[in-house]
């Protein structure tokens, strides 16, 4: 996962100057520090919401969140979904992938292109 993100974006800051951040349990997000992401260890959904509020005011383009945390902060994520940045990406959590990341990516692609190009994924 880390190498895939690194190959896509190259480094912490893109040409537009945006940064990458990761929020979640320390053991899950620590590897992202290796690609230059800012990490924000949290243990509760309220802490995650607080960090997200802070990051929305900064120049952060991508926020990585363990998919097991997403349902617990869904209300907040729904509120900010219309923002162009940051792009909030679910990643597998400490218990592995729940499939949420793939389902959300599938819905976003379907919405963008009008067809389910991942129907066999």
C-alpha atoms as a PDB file:
ATOM      1  CA  UNK A   1       0.000   0.000   0.000  1.00  0.00           C
ATOM      2  CA  UNK A   2       2.744   2.448   0.983  1.00  0.00           C
ATOM      3  CA  UNK A   3       4.773   1.771  -2.156  1.00  0.00           C
ATOM      4  CA  UNK A   4       1.679   2.113  -4.352  1.00  0.00           C
ATOM      5  CA  UNK A   5       0.867   5.533  -2.914  1.00  0.00           C
ATOM      6  CA  UNK A   6       4.507   6.573  -3.119  1.00  0.00           C
ATOM      7  CA  UNK A   7       4.698   5.604  -6.793  1.00  0.00           C
ATOM      8  CA  UNK A   8       1.510   7.504  -7.577  1.00  0.00           C
ATOM      9  CA  UNK A   9       2.390  10.741  -5.818  1.00  0.00           C
ATOM     10  CA  UNK A  10       6.168  10.609  -5.640  1.00  0.00           C
ATOM     11  CA  UNK A  11       6.612  12.426  -2.364  1.00  0.00           C
ATOM     12  CA  UNK A  12       4.827  14.258   0.414  1.00  0.00           C
ATOM     13  CA  UNK A  13       4.130  17.367  -1.611  1.00  0.00           C
ATOM     14  CA  UNK A  14       2.712  17.331  -5.107  1.00  0.00           C
ATOM     15  CA  UNK A  15       3.129  20.029  -7.729  1.00  0.00           C
ATOM     16  CA  UNK A  16       0.199  21.840  -6.132  1.00  0.00           C
ATOM     17  CA  UNK A  17       1.937  21.891  -2.738  1.00  0.00           C
ATOM     18  CA  UNK A  18      -0.574  19.621  -1.036  1.00  0.00           C
ATOM     19  CA  UNK A  19       0.463  17.231   1.709  1.00  0.00           C
ATOM     20  CA  UNK A  20      -0.508  13.721   2.747  1.00  0.00           C
ATOM     21  CA  UNK A  21      -1.749  12.924   6.231  1.00  0.00           C
ATOM     22  CA  UNK A  22      -2.756   9.692   7.917  1.00  0.00           C
ATOM     23  CA  UNK A  23      -5.092   9.395  10.893  1.00  0.00           C
ATOM     24  CA  UNK A  24      -5.661   6.275  12.995  1.00  0.00           C
ATOM     25  CA  UNK A  25      -4.022   3.734  15.264  1.00  0.00           C
ATOM     26  CA  UNK A  26      -0.266   4.292  15.409  1.00  0.00           C
ATOM     27  CA  UNK A  27       0.666   0.791  14.217  1.00  0.00           C
ATOM     28  CA  UNK A  28      -1.512   1.249  11.125  1.00  0.00           C
ATOM     29  CA  UNK A  29      -0.407   4.751  10.135  1.00  0.00           C
ATOM     30  CA  UNK A  30       3.283   4.678  11.104  1.00  0.00           C
ATOM     31  CA  UNK A  31       4.456   3.119   7.793  1.00  0.00           C
ATOM     32  CA  UNK A  32       3.091   6.151   5.928  1.00  0.00           C
ATOM     33  CA  UNK A  33       5.666   8.319   7.681  1.00  0.00           C
ATOM     34  CA  UNK A  34       8.227   6.574   5.442  1.00  0.00           C
ATOM     35  CA  UNK A  35       6.723   8.265   2.368  1.00  0.00           C
ATOM     36  CA  UNK A  36       6.651  11.626   4.118  1.00  0.00           C
ATOM     37  CA  UNK A  37       3.056  11.632   5.304  1.00  0.00           C
ATOM     38  CA  UNK A  38       2.213  13.514   8.463  1.00  0.00           C
ATOM     39  CA  UNK A  39       0.779  11.031  10.949  1.00  0.00           C
ATOM     40  CA  UNK A  40      -1.872  11.720  13.565  1.00  0.00           C
ATOM     41  CA  UNK A  41      -2.387   8.852  16.000  1.00  0.00           C
ATOM     42  CA  UNK A  42      -5.911   8.771  17.411  1.00  0.00           C
ATOM     43  CA  UNK A  43      -7.728   6.282  19.611  1.00  0.00           C
ATOM     44  CA  UNK A  44     -11.310   7.575  19.492  1.00  0.00           C
ATOM     45  CA  UNK A  45     -13.701   8.816  16.798  1.00  0.00           C
ATOM     46  CA  UNK A  46     -13.870  12.213  18.559  1.00  0.00           C
ATOM     47  CA  UNK A  47     -10.082  12.576  18.301  1.00  0.00           C
ATOM     48  CA  UNK A  48     -10.298  11.677  14.604  1.00  0.00           C
ATOM     49  CA  UNK A  49     -12.962  14.337  13.997  1.00  0.00           C
ATOM     50  CA  UNK A  50     -10.826  16.915  15.816  1.00  0.00           C
ATOM     51  CA  UNK A  51      -7.758  16.098  13.697  1.00  0.00           C
ATOM     52  CA  UNK A  52      -9.856  16.172  10.509  1.00  0.00           C
ATOM     53  CA  UNK A  53     -11.198  19.632  11.406  1.00  0.00           C
ATOM     54  CA  UNK A  54      -7.607  20.825  11.854  1.00  0.00           C
ATOM     55  CA  UNK A  55      -6.435  19.279   8.584  1.00  0.00           C
ATOM     56  CA  UNK A  56      -9.296  20.843   6.619  1.00  0.00           C
ATOM     57  CA  UNK A  57      -7.779  24.239   7.431  1.00  0.00           C
ATOM     58  CA  UNK A  58      -4.320  23.197   6.207  1.00  0.00           C
ATOM     59  CA  UNK A  59      -2.864  22.431   2.790  1.00  0.00           C
ATOM     60  CA  UNK A  60      -3.571  18.689   2.921  1.00  0.00           C
ATOM     61  CA  UNK A  61      -4.554  16.978  -0.308  1.00  0.00           C
ATOM     62  CA  UNK A  62      -4.835  13.347   0.793  1.00  0.00           C
ATOM     63  CA  UNK A  63      -5.924  11.940   4.140  1.00  0.00           C
ATOM     64  CA  UNK A  64      -5.574   8.206   4.746  1.00  0.00           C
ATOM     65  CA  UNK A  65      -7.952   6.711   7.322  1.00  0.00           C
ATOM     66  CA  UNK A  66      -8.218   3.045   8.390  1.00  0.00           C
ATOM     67  CA  UNK A  67     -11.467   1.648   7.018  1.00  0.00           C
ATOM     68  CA  UNK A  68     -12.560   0.379  10.436  1.00  0.00           C
ATOM     69  CA  UNK A  69     -12.621   4.011  11.647  1.00  0.00           C
ATOM     70  CA  UNK A  70     -14.700   5.310   8.732  1.00  0.00           C
ATOM     71  CA  UNK A  71     -18.122   4.032   9.942  1.00  0.00           C
ATOM     72  CA  UNK A  72     -17.529   5.667  13.328  1.00  0.00           C
ATOM     73  CA  UNK A  73     -16.981   9.099  11.760  1.00  0.00           C
ATOM     74  CA  UNK A  74     -19.277   8.676   8.743  1.00  0.00           C
ATOM     75  CA  UNK A  75     -21.434  11.637   9.844  1.00  0.00           C
ATOM     76  CA  UNK A  76     -18.470  14.003   9.729  1.00  0.00           C
ATOM     77  CA  UNK A  77     -17.154  12.583   6.450  1.00  0.00           C
ATOM     78  CA  UNK A  78     -20.583  13.074   4.864  1.00  0.00           C
ATOM     79  CA  UNK A  79     -20.546  16.748   5.922  1.00  0.00           C
ATOM     80  CA  UNK A  80     -17.223  17.414   4.201  1.00  0.00           C
ATOM     81  CA  UNK A  81     -17.699  15.187   1.151  1.00  0.00           C
ATOM     82  CA  UNK A  82     -18.459  18.140  -1.154  1.00  0.00           C
ATOM     83  CA  UNK A  83     -15.044  19.719  -0.597  1.00  0.00           C
ATOM     84  CA  UNK A  84     -12.630  19.367  -3.512  1.00  0.00           C
ATOM     85  CA  UNK A  85      -9.743  18.725  -1.121  1.00  0.00           C
ATOM     86  CA  UNK A  86      -8.767  16.791   0.798  1.00  0.00           C
ATOM     87  CA  UNK A  87      -9.328  13.443  -0.808  1.00  0.00           C
ATOM     88  CA  UNK A  88     -10.077  11.051   2.058  1.00  0.00           C
ATOM     89  CA  UNK A  89      -9.031   7.495   1.280  1.00  0.00           C
ATOM     90  CA  UNK A  90      -9.883   4.494   3.436  1.00  0.00           C
ATOM     91  CA  UNK A  91      -6.994   2.071   3.964  1.00  0.00           C
ATOM     92  CA  UNK A  92      -6.984  -1.394   5.566  1.00  0.00           C
ATOM     93  CA  UNK A  93      -7.003  -1.184   9.366  1.00  0.00           C
ATOM     94  CA  UNK A  94      -5.262  -3.280  11.984  1.00  0.00           C
ATOM     95  CA  UNK A  95      -7.759  -6.115  11.434  1.00  0.00           C
ATOM     96  CA  UNK A  96      -7.198  -6.134   7.676  1.00  0.00           C
ATOM     97  CA  UNK A  97      -9.479  -4.810   4.994  1.00  0.00           C
ATOM     98  CA  UNK A  98     -13.214  -4.755   5.529  1.00  0.00           C
ATOM     99  CA  UNK A  99     -13.748  -4.161   1.808  1.00  0.00           C
ATOM    100  CA  UNK A 100     -14.930  -0.608   2.474  1.00  0.00           C
ATOM    101  CA  UNK A 101     -12.111   1.005   0.499  1.00  0.00           C
ATOM    102  CA  UNK A 102     -12.918  -1.014  -2.602  1.00  0.00           C
ATOM    103  CA  UNK A 103     -16.668  -0.371  -2.284  1.00  0.00           C
ATOM    104  CA  UNK A 104     -16.138   3.385  -1.884  1.00  0.00           C
ATOM    105  CA  UNK A 105     -13.666   3.541  -4.774  1.00  0.00           C
ATOM    106  CA  UNK A 106     -16.122   1.608  -6.913  1.00  0.00           C
ATOM    107  CA  UNK A 107     -18.922   4.079  -6.108  1.00  0.00           C
ATOM    108  CA  UNK A 108     -16.708   7.107  -6.813  1.00  0.00           C
ATOM    109  CA  UNK A 109     -15.600   5.690 -10.169  1.00  0.00           C
ATOM    110  CA  UNK A 110     -19.180   4.768 -11.038  1.00  0.00           C
ATOM    111  CA  UNK A 111     -20.292   8.304 -10.207  1.00  0.00           C
ATOM    112  CA  UNK A 112     -17.426   9.857 -12.207  1.00  0.00           C
ATOM    113  CA  UNK A 113     -17.748   7.786 -15.397  1.00  0.00           C
ATOM    114  CA  UNK A 114     -21.390   6.752 -15.182  1.00  0.00           C
ATOM    115  CA  UNK A 115     -20.669   3.031 -15.454  1.00  0.00           C
ATOM    116  CA  UNK A 116     -19.511   0.341 -13.030  1.00  0.00           C
ATOM    117  CA  UNK A 117     -16.149  -0.509 -14.580  1.00  0.00           C
ATOM    118  CA  UNK A 118     -15.145  -2.481 -11.472  1.00  0.00           C
ATOM    119  CA  UNK A 119     -18.130  -4.826 -11.376  1.00  0.00           C
ATOM    120  CA  UNK A 120     -15.907  -7.911 -11.400  1.00  0.00           C
ATOM    121  CA  UNK A 121     -13.485  -6.558  -8.774  1.00  0.00           C
END
